[in-house]
Protein backbone atom coordinates (compact mmCIF):
# COMPACT_ATOMS: atom_id res chain seq x y z
CA MET A 1 -12.51 6.32 2.08
CA LEU A 2 -14.88 3.81 0.54
CA THR A 3 -17.74 4.77 2.83
CA GLN A 4 -16.94 8.51 2.95
CA ARG A 5 -17.09 8.33 6.75
CA PRO A 6 -14.43 7.81 9.41
CA PRO A 7 -14.33 4.41 11.10
CA TRP A 8 -16.76 4.12 14.02
CA ALA A 9 -18.20 7.57 13.13
CA GLU A 10 -21.41 6.79 15.00
CA TYR A 11 -19.51 6.79 18.34
CA GLU A 12 -18.10 9.59 20.50
CA THR A 13 -14.31 10.01 20.19
CA MET A 14 -13.26 7.99 23.25
CA ALA A 15 -15.77 5.24 22.48
CA ALA A 16 -14.43 5.07 18.90
CA ILE A 17 -10.85 4.78 20.16
CA PHE A 18 -11.92 1.94 22.47
CA LYS A 19 -13.72 0.16 19.60
CA ILE A 20 -10.72 0.51 17.29
CA ALA A 21 -8.41 -0.95 19.94
CA THR A 22 -10.65 -3.81 21.10
CA GLN A 23 -13.09 -4.83 18.36
CA PRO A 24 -12.38 -6.77 15.16
CA THR A 25 -12.71 -4.67 12.02
CA ASN A 26 -15.50 -5.90 9.77
CA PRO A 27 -16.74 -2.84 7.90
CA VAL A 28 -19.93 -2.82 5.86
CA LEU A 29 -18.73 -2.08 2.35
CA PRO A 30 -20.65 -0.05 -0.23
CA ALA A 31 -22.34 -1.95 -3.06
CA HIS A 32 -19.90 -0.61 -5.68
CA VAL A 33 -16.90 -2.47 -4.16
CA SER A 34 -15.85 -5.33 -6.44
CA ASP A 35 -15.71 -8.95 -5.33
CA HIS A 36 -11.90 -8.82 -5.59
CA GLY A 37 -11.89 -5.67 -3.46
CA ARG A 38 -14.09 -7.31 -0.83
CA ASP A 39 -11.85 -10.39 -0.71
CA PHE A 40 -8.72 -8.22 -0.47
CA LEU A 41 -10.10 -6.25 2.48
CA ARG A 42 -11.36 -9.43 4.18
CA ARG A 43 -7.79 -10.77 4.06
CA ILE A 44 -6.33 -7.51 5.41
CA PHE A 45 -8.77 -6.91 8.29
CA VAL A 46 -7.71 -9.93 10.35
CA GLU A 47 -5.58 -10.60 13.41
CA THR A 48 -1.87 -9.98 12.81
CA LYS A 49 -0.97 -13.68 12.90
CA GLN A 50 -3.49 -14.44 10.13
CA ARG A 51 -2.62 -11.43 7.95
CA LEU A 52 -0.93 -11.79 4.57
CA SER A 53 2.81 -11.15 4.34
CA ALA A 54 3.93 -7.79 2.99
CA ASP A 55 4.31 -8.99 -0.62
CA GLU A 56 1.21 -11.22 -0.83
CA PRO A 57 -1.33 -8.37 -1.14
CA LEU A 58 0.51 -7.10 -4.21
CA ARG A 59 -0.13 -10.44 -5.93
CA HIS A 60 -3.84 -10.48 -5.01
CA ALA A 61 -6.31 -10.33 -7.91
CA PHE A 62 -7.52 -6.94 -6.66
CA HIS A 63 -4.19 -5.42 -7.75
CA GLN A 64 -4.15 -7.32 -11.04
CA GLN A 65 -7.43 -5.95 -12.43
CA PRO A 66 -7.77 -2.54 -14.11
CA PRO A 67 -9.40 0.12 -11.92
CA ARG A 68 -13.15 0.60 -12.28
CA PRO A 69 -14.63 4.07 -12.63
CA PRO A 70 -16.25 5.46 -9.47
CA PRO A 71 -20.03 5.12 -9.14
CA ALA A 72 -22.15 7.87 -10.68
CA SER A 73 -22.98 9.21 -7.20
CA LEU A 74 -19.27 9.92 -6.60
CA ARG A 75 -17.00 11.46 -9.18
CA LEU A 76 -13.47 12.83 -8.96
CA LEU A 77 -12.55 16.26 -10.24
CA PRO A 78 -9.75 15.78 -12.80
CA SER A 79 -6.22 15.76 -11.33
CA THR A 80 -7.28 17.20 -7.96
CA GLY A 81 -8.08 14.14 -5.84
CA VAL A 82 -11.28 15.90 -4.80
CA ALA A 83 -14.41 13.74 -4.70
CA VAL A 84 -17.76 15.34 -5.48
CA LYS A 85 -21.04 13.97 -4.15
CA GLY A 86 -24.33 15.79 -4.43
CA GLY A 87 -22.64 19.03 -5.51
CA VAL A 88 -20.36 19.09 -2.45
CA ALA A 89 -16.63 18.50 -2.87
CA VAL A 90 -14.82 16.52 -0.19
CA LYS A 91 -11.06 16.55 0.23
CA GLY A 92 -9.32 15.16 3.28
CA GLY A 93 -12.64 14.73 5.06
CA VAL A 94 -13.46 18.44 4.70
CA ALA A 95 -16.52 19.44 2.68
CA VAL A 96 -16.24 22.44 0.40
CA ARG A 97 -18.63 23.81 -2.20
CA ALA A 98 -17.96 22.38 -5.66
């Protein structure tokens, strides 16, 4: 959701499934992601044995800070959950005219 693209979007479907199952997840995050957000994701995208317990992420600083507004290039239509970028609305990965 942060990148507005599915994981491994540059690969064919079967290649993406293989990558998801066999490669570590280390996504390139957009510039607007906060330092707390980056640290939170870094702690989540690890091997199961190294991952935080179920309650630890809720105590992470990322959840303690107030939400930041989305970048100017991406805005949400009020109370719809629809993101608009470049005049095109995207909901559930489907682009529709805004």
